[in-house]
Amino acid sequence: MTTGSACLVADDGCRGPVRPDAPVRLCRGHLAAAAEWVDDEYGVTDVLPAPCRLCGCRWGVRHRSGWTCGVCEWRLGDTVDDELPPPRVDVVYYLRFDDRVKIGTSARPAARLSAIRHDELLAFERGDRRLERRRHEQFAEDRWDRTEWFRLSEALRAHLEIVRAGEPDPWERYARWCSEALALRG
């Protein structure tokens, strides 16, 4: 603690010492009170005790009143309405089989991908048939004649790296998009 540095809170008579690494000139007690107020007001980001029943997310916000999902804001413990249809989230998918990549689209990728022989799901990109068409045009020189299959060229590899940036697991990204769509639906 540095000498000569006293707590800024003077209205209650505090002139306690301030640690040199404190983010603001407050004594330990007043910093703790401020942190507790922030936690009460905004909650604390933490790992949920169980995955969100709505979107499967593992992180949430802990409030005094309970937990909410960090993605779809479902309140832990609330009943999930199983009669609501799942949200529609269109994706452009990239599947690898040997040295080829299929660029397709689906609103139900789990069912669609189970019907296509492939070695690896490379990425999802949020979009519908219009985006799929643009990608087919973008990589037209690598296209296998009149199919949705493309040679895994350097240009396609670079595009896939951009699409996957920040989220290497396509299914995690898709789950986040679905939970965001649920949250927007209300």
C-alpha atoms as a PDB file:
ATOM      1  CA  MET A   1       0.000   0.000   0.000  1.00  0.00           C
ATOM      2  CA  THR A   2       1.247   3.379  -0.867  1.00  0.00           C
ATOM      3  CA  THR A   3       1.504   6.012   1.781  1.00  0.00           C
ATOM      4  CA  GLY A   4      -0.409   9.186   1.223  1.00  0.00           C
ATOM      5  CA  SER A   5      -3.070   7.476  -0.916  1.00  0.00           C
ATOM      6  CA  ALA A   6      -6.358   7.445   0.960  1.00  0.00           C
ATOM      7  CA  CYS A   7      -9.841   6.239   0.053  1.00  0.00           C
ATOM      8  CA  LEU A   8     -11.900   8.732  -1.942  1.00  0.00           C
ATOM      9  CA  VAL A   9     -15.024   7.988   0.113  1.00  0.00           C
ATOM     10  CA  ALA A  10     -14.986  10.775   2.657  1.00  0.00           C
ATOM     11  CA  ASP A  11     -18.689  11.146   3.437  1.00  0.00           C
ATOM     12  CA  ASP A  12     -18.564   8.296   5.962  1.00  0.00           C
ATOM     13  CA  GLY A  13     -15.227   9.442   7.373  1.00  0.00           C
ATOM     14  CA  CYS A  14     -13.189   6.747   5.608  1.00  0.00           C
ATOM     15  CA  ARG A  15      -9.625   7.655   4.833  1.00  0.00           C
ATOM     16  CA  GLY A  16      -8.443   4.037   4.631  1.00  0.00           C
ATOM     17  CA  PRO A  17      -5.329   3.075   2.701  1.00  0.00           C
ATOM     18  CA  VAL A  18      -5.589   2.300  -1.025  1.00  0.00           C
ATOM     19  CA  ARG A  19      -3.644  -0.523  -2.647  1.00  0.00           C
ATOM     20  CA  PRO A  20      -1.398   0.661  -5.485  1.00  0.00           C
ATOM     21  CA  ASP A  21      -3.000  -1.805  -7.925  1.00  0.00           C
ATOM     22  CA  ALA A  22      -6.587  -0.731  -7.117  1.00  0.00           C
ATOM     23  CA  PRO A  23      -8.501   0.315 -10.272  1.00  0.00           C
ATOM     24  CA  VAL A  24      -9.911   3.364  -8.439  1.00  0.00           C
ATOM     25  CA  ARG A  25      -8.828   5.116  -5.277  1.00  0.00           C
ATOM     26  CA  LEU A  26     -10.971   3.113  -2.884  1.00  0.00           C
ATOM     27  CA  CYS A  27      -9.971   1.180   0.198  1.00  0.00           C
ATOM     28  CA  ARG A  28     -10.434  -2.598   0.228  1.00  0.00           C
ATOM     29  CA  GLY A  29     -13.813  -2.363   1.993  1.00  0.00           C
ATOM     30  CA  HIS A  30     -15.274   0.150  -0.433  1.00  0.00           C
ATOM     31  CA  LEU A  31     -13.935  -1.782  -3.438  1.00  0.00           C
ATOM     32  CA  ALA A  32     -15.642  -4.912  -2.077  1.00  0.00           C
ATOM     33  CA  ALA A  33     -18.913  -2.988  -1.601  1.00  0.00           C
ATOM     34  CA  ALA A  34     -18.709  -1.663  -5.180  1.00  0.00           C
ATOM     35  CA  ALA A  35     -17.993  -5.159  -6.568  1.00  0.00           C
ATOM     36  CA  GLU A  36     -20.943  -6.609  -4.636  1.00  0.00           C
ATOM     37  CA  TRP A  37     -23.217  -3.888  -6.011  1.00  0.00           C
ATOM     38  CA  VAL A  38     -22.080  -4.633  -9.594  1.00  0.00           C
ATOM     39  CA  ASP A  39     -22.662  -8.372  -9.067  1.00  0.00           C
ATOM     40  CA  ASP A  40     -26.182  -7.683  -7.728  1.00  0.00           C
ATOM     41  CA  GLU A  41     -27.019  -5.222 -10.491  1.00  0.00           C
ATOM     42  CA  TYR A  42     -25.602  -7.092 -13.508  1.00  0.00           C
ATOM     43  CA  GLY A  43     -24.955 -10.658 -12.334  1.00  0.00           C
ATOM     44  CA  VAL A  44     -21.814 -12.736 -12.574  1.00  0.00           C
ATOM     45  CA  THR A  45     -20.817 -14.649 -15.712  1.00  0.00           C
ATOM     46  CA  ASP A  46     -20.085 -18.245 -14.789  1.00  0.00           C
ATOM     47  CA  VAL A  47     -20.523 -21.859 -15.909  1.00  0.00           C
ATOM     48  CA  LEU A  48     -24.142 -22.987 -15.581  1.00  0.00           C
ATOM     49  CA  PRO A  49     -24.786 -25.817 -13.082  1.00  0.00           C
ATOM     50  CA  ALA A  50     -26.310 -27.776 -16.012  1.00  0.00           C
ATOM     51  CA  PRO A  51     -26.476 -27.070 -19.776  1.00  0.00           C
ATOM     52  CA  CYS A  52     -29.270 -24.754 -20.859  1.00  0.00           C
ATOM     53  CA  ARG A  53     -32.315 -26.936 -21.658  1.00  0.00           C
ATOM     54  CA  LEU A  54     -33.257 -24.636 -24.507  1.00  0.00           C
ATOM     55  CA  CYS A  55     -30.004 -24.191 -26.443  1.00  0.00           C
ATOM     56  CA  GLY A  56     -27.413 -26.393 -24.709  1.00  0.00           C
ATOM     57  CA  CYS A  57     -25.108 -23.495 -23.850  1.00  0.00           C
ATOM     58  CA  ARG A  58     -22.805 -24.086 -20.846  1.00  0.00           C
ATOM     59  CA  TRP A  59     -22.273 -20.500 -19.675  1.00  0.00           C
ATOM     60  CA  GLY A  60     -24.678 -18.183 -18.004  1.00  0.00           C
ATOM     61  CA  VAL A  61     -25.201 -15.258 -15.666  1.00  0.00           C
ATOM     62  CA  ARG A  62     -25.727 -15.842 -11.956  1.00  0.00           C
ATOM     63  CA  HIS A  63     -28.065 -13.404 -10.218  1.00  0.00           C
ATOM     64  CA  ARG A  64     -29.343 -13.486  -6.644  1.00  0.00           C
ATOM     65  CA  SER A  65     -32.705 -14.513  -8.084  1.00  0.00           C
ATOM     66  CA  GLY A  66     -31.230 -17.399 -10.106  1.00  0.00           C
ATOM     67  CA  TRP A  67     -29.396 -18.234 -13.329  1.00  0.00           C
ATOM     68  CA  THR A  68     -30.027 -17.195 -16.922  1.00  0.00           C
ATOM     69  CA  CYS A  69     -28.445 -18.655 -20.038  1.00  0.00           C
ATOM     70  CA  GLY A  70     -25.708 -16.417 -21.415  1.00  0.00           C
ATOM     71  CA  VAL A  71     -26.934 -16.911 -24.997  1.00  0.00           C
ATOM     72  CA  CYS A  72     -30.721 -17.326 -25.119  1.00  0.00           C
ATOM     73  CA  GLU A  73     -31.469 -15.840 -21.664  1.00  0.00           C
ATOM     74  CA  TRP A  74     -33.641 -18.797 -20.657  1.00  0.00           C
ATOM     75  CA  ARG A  75     -34.089 -18.806 -16.881  1.00  0.00           C
ATOM     76  CA  LEU A  76     -32.643 -21.999 -15.359  1.00  0.00           C
ATOM     77  CA  GLY A  77     -35.518 -23.958 -13.846  1.00  0.00           C
ATOM     78  CA  ASP A  78     -38.249 -22.528 -16.083  1.00  0.00           C
ATOM     79  CA  THR A  79     -40.339 -25.045 -17.990  1.00  0.00           C
ATOM     80  CA  VAL A  80     -39.444 -25.467 -21.644  1.00  0.00           C
ATOM     81  CA  ASP A  81     -42.493 -25.289 -23.919  1.00  0.00           C
ATOM     82  CA  ASP A  82     -42.001 -28.400 -26.049  1.00  0.00           C
ATOM     83  CA  GLU A  83     -44.942 -27.438 -28.260  1.00  0.00           C
ATOM     84  CA  LEU A  84     -43.077 -24.494 -29.770  1.00  0.00           C
ATOM     85  CA  PRO A  85     -41.433 -25.393 -33.061  1.00  0.00           C
ATOM     86  CA  PRO A  86     -37.662 -24.975 -33.183  1.00  0.00           C
ATOM     87  CA  PRO A  87     -36.519 -21.737 -34.786  1.00  0.00           C
ATOM     88  CA  ARG A  88     -35.584 -21.806 -38.458  1.00  0.00           C
ATOM     89  CA  VAL A  89     -31.914 -21.058 -38.967  1.00  0.00           C
ATOM     90  CA  ASP A  90     -30.719 -21.450 -42.553  1.00  0.00           C
ATOM     91  CA  VAL A  91     -27.066 -22.355 -42.993  1.00  0.00           C
ATOM     92  CA  VAL A  92     -24.658 -22.909 -45.820  1.00  0.00           C
ATOM     93  CA  TYR A  93     -22.642 -25.994 -44.955  1.00  0.00           C
ATOM     94  CA  TYR A  94     -19.221 -27.106 -46.140  1.00  0.00           C
ATOM     95  CA  LEU A  95     -18.608 -30.873 -46.109  1.00  0.00           C
ATOM     96  CA  ARG A  96     -15.338 -32.545 -46.992  1.00  0.00           C
ATOM     97  CA  PHE A  97     -15.154 -35.948 -48.664  1.00  0.00           C
ATOM     98  CA  ASP A  98     -11.619 -36.907 -49.664  1.00  0.00           C
ATOM     99  CA  ASP A  99     -10.247 -33.847 -51.487  1.00  0.00           C
ATOM    100  CA  ARG A 100     -13.655 -32.402 -52.409  1.00  0.00           C
ATOM    101  CA  VAL A 101     -15.963 -30.004 -50.582  1.00  0.00           C
ATOM    102  CA  LYS A 102     -19.738 -29.891 -50.917  1.00  0.00           C
ATOM    103  CA  ILE A 103     -21.283 -26.452 -50.512  1.00  0.00           C
ATOM    104  CA  GLY A 104     -24.988 -26.796 -49.761  1.00  0.00           C
ATOM    105  CA  THR A 105     -27.725 -25.257 -47.661  1.00  0.00           C
ATOM    106  CA  SER A 106     -30.266 -26.454 -45.133  1.00  0.00           C
ATOM    107  CA  ALA A 107     -32.604 -25.236 -42.416  1.00  0.00           C
ATOM    108  CA  ARG A 108     -32.197 -28.598 -40.630  1.00  0.00           C
ATOM    109  CA  PRO A 109     -28.500 -29.402 -40.972  1.00  0.00           C
ATOM    110  CA  ALA A 110     -28.420 -32.433 -38.648  1.00  0.00           C
ATOM    111  CA  ALA A 111     -30.958 -34.294 -40.783  1.00  0.00           C
ATOM    112  CA  ARG A 112     -29.444 -33.101 -44.061  1.00  0.00           C
ATOM    113  CA  LEU A 113     -25.867 -33.979 -43.173  1.00  0.00           C
ATOM    114  CA  SER A 114     -26.852 -37.450 -41.980  1.00  0.00           C
ATOM    115  CA  ALA A 115     -28.090 -38.149 -45.526  1.00  0.00           C
ATOM    116  CA  ILE A 116     -24.824 -37.122 -47.227  1.00  0.00           C
ATOM    117  CA  ARG A 117     -21.706 -39.244 -47.211  1.00  0.00           C
ATOM    118  CA  HIS A 118     -18.806 -37.118 -45.956  1.00  0.00           C
ATOM    119  CA  ASP A 119     -15.601 -37.315 -43.930  1.00  0.00           C
ATOM    120  CA  GLU A 120     -15.839 -34.009 -42.072  1.00  0.00           C
ATOM    121  CA  LEU A 121     -18.079 -31.027 -41.476  1.00  0.00           C
ATOM    122  CA  LEU A 122     -15.767 -28.089 -42.155  1.00  0.00           C
ATOM    123  CA  ALA A 123     -18.009 -25.123 -41.373  1.00  0.00           C
ATOM    124  CA  PHE A 124     -21.433 -23.528 -41.229  1.00  0.00           C
ATOM    125  CA  GLU A 125     -22.106 -20.076 -42.583  1.00  0.00           C
ATOM    126  CA  ARG A 126     -25.401 -18.427 -41.739  1.00  0.00           C
ATOM    127  CA  GLY A 127     -27.353 -17.932 -44.951  1.00  0.00           C
ATOM    128  CA  ASP A 128     -29.896 -19.358 -47.367  1.00  0.00           C
ATOM    129  CA  ARG A 129     -29.972 -20.390 -51.035  1.00  0.00           C
ATOM    130  CA  ARG A 130     -28.906 -16.904 -52.174  1.00  0.00           C
ATOM    131  CA  LEU A 131     -25.654 -17.149 -50.205  1.00  0.00           C
ATOM    132  CA  GLU A 132     -25.161 -20.718 -51.388  1.00  0.00           C
ATOM    133  CA  ARG A 133     -25.539 -19.518 -55.005  1.00  0.00           C
ATOM    134  CA  ARG A 134     -22.991 -16.723 -54.390  1.00  0.00           C
ATOM    135  CA  ARG A 135     -20.513 -19.245 -52.972  1.00  0.00           C
ATOM    136  CA  HIS A 136     -21.032 -21.511 -55.986  1.00  0.00           C
ATOM    137  CA  GLU A 137     -20.263 -18.531 -58.245  1.00  0.00           C
ATOM    138  CA  GLN A 138     -17.303 -17.466 -56.078  1.00  0.00           C
ATOM    139  CA  PHE A 139     -15.635 -20.889 -56.393  1.00  0.00           C
ATOM    140  CA  ALA A 140     -16.944 -21.745 -59.892  1.00  0.00           C
ATOM    141  CA  GLU A 141     -13.470 -22.481 -61.288  1.00  0.00           C
ATOM    142  CA  ASP A 142     -13.075 -25.254 -58.675  1.00  0.00           C
ATOM    143  CA  ARG A 143     -16.514 -26.803 -59.275  1.00  0.00           C
ATOM    144  CA  TRP A 144     -16.969 -30.399 -60.358  1.00  0.00           C
ATOM    145  CA  ASP A 145     -19.132 -30.311 -63.468  1.00  0.00           C
ATOM    146  CA  ARG A 146     -22.790 -29.461 -62.623  1.00  0.00           C
ATOM    147  CA  THR A 147     -22.586 -30.565 -58.976  1.00  0.00           C
ATOM    148  CA  GLU A 148     -22.362 -28.893 -55.583  1.00  0.00           C
ATOM    149  CA  TRP A 149     -18.880 -30.387 -55.105  1.00  0.00           C
ATOM    150  CA  PHE A 150     -15.723 -28.303 -55.360  1.00  0.00           C
ATOM    151  CA  ARG A 151     -11.991 -28.933 -55.415  1.00  0.00           C
ATOM    152  CA  LEU A 152     -10.439 -27.997 -52.061  1.00  0.00           C
ATOM    153  CA  SER A 153      -8.428 -25.118 -53.532  1.00  0.00           C
ATOM    154  CA  GLU A 154      -6.336 -22.554 -51.693  1.00  0.00           C
ATOM    155  CA  ALA A 155      -9.082 -19.960 -52.247  1.00  0.00           C
ATOM    156  CA  LEU A 156     -11.690 -22.254 -50.695  1.00  0.00           C
ATOM    157  CA  ARG A 157      -9.345 -23.109 -47.798  1.00  0.00           C
ATOM    158  CA  ALA A 158      -8.808 -19.390 -47.114  1.00  0.00           C
ATOM    159  CA  HIS A 159     -12.559 -18.763 -47.187  1.00  0.00           C
ATOM    160  CA  LEU A 160     -13.153 -21.619 -44.740  1.00  0.00           C
ATOM    161  CA  GLU A 161     -10.567 -20.185 -42.343  1.00  0.00           C
ATOM    162  CA  ILE A 162     -12.439 -16.870 -42.345  1.00  0.00           C
ATOM    163  CA  VAL A 163     -15.805 -18.585 -41.812  1.00  0.00           C
ATOM    164  CA  ARG A 164     -14.443 -20.704 -38.930  1.00  0.00           C
ATOM    165  CA  ALA A 165     -12.595 -17.824 -37.236  1.00  0.00           C
ATOM    166  CA  GLY A 166     -13.406 -17.598 -33.548  1.00  0.00           C
ATOM    167  CA  GLU A 167     -15.452 -20.808 -33.406  1.00  0.00           C
ATOM    168  CA  PRO A 168     -13.778 -23.974 -34.660  1.00  0.00           C
ATOM    169  CA  ASP A 169     -16.791 -26.214 -33.864  1.00  0.00           C
ATOM    170  CA  PRO A 170     -19.568 -25.612 -36.438  1.00  0.00           C
ATOM    171  CA  TRP A 171     -22.190 -27.228 -34.182  1.00  0.00           C
ATOM    172  CA  GLU A 172     -21.398 -24.790 -31.349  1.00  0.00           C
ATOM    173  CA  ARG A 173     -21.875 -21.907 -33.759  1.00  0.00           C
ATOM    174  CA  TYR A 174     -25.167 -23.387 -35.004  1.00  0.00           C
ATOM    175  CA  ALA A 175     -26.409 -23.867 -31.410  1.00  0.00           C
ATOM    176  CA  ARG A 176     -25.626 -20.219 -30.694  1.00  0.00           C
ATOM    177  CA  TRP A 177     -27.541 -19.079 -33.800  1.00  0.00           C
ATOM    178  CA  CYS A 178     -30.539 -21.215 -32.767  1.00  0.00           C
ATOM    179  CA  SER A 179     -30.519 -19.857 -29.229  1.00  0.00           C
ATOM    180  CA  GLU A 180     -30.254 -16.293 -30.539  1.00  0.00           C
ATOM    181  CA  ALA A 181     -33.260 -16.969 -32.775  1.00  0.00           C
ATOM    182  CA  LEU A 182     -35.160 -18.317 -29.756  1.00  0.00           C
ATOM    183  CA  ALA A 183     -34.269 -15.240 -27.722  1.00  0.00           C
ATOM    184  CA  LEU A 184     -35.463 -12.940 -30.515  1.00  0.00           C
ATOM    185  CA  ARG A 185     -38.702 -14.877 -30.762  1.00  0.00           C
ATOM    186  CA  GLY A 186     -39.377 -14.049 -27.091  1.00  0.00           C
END
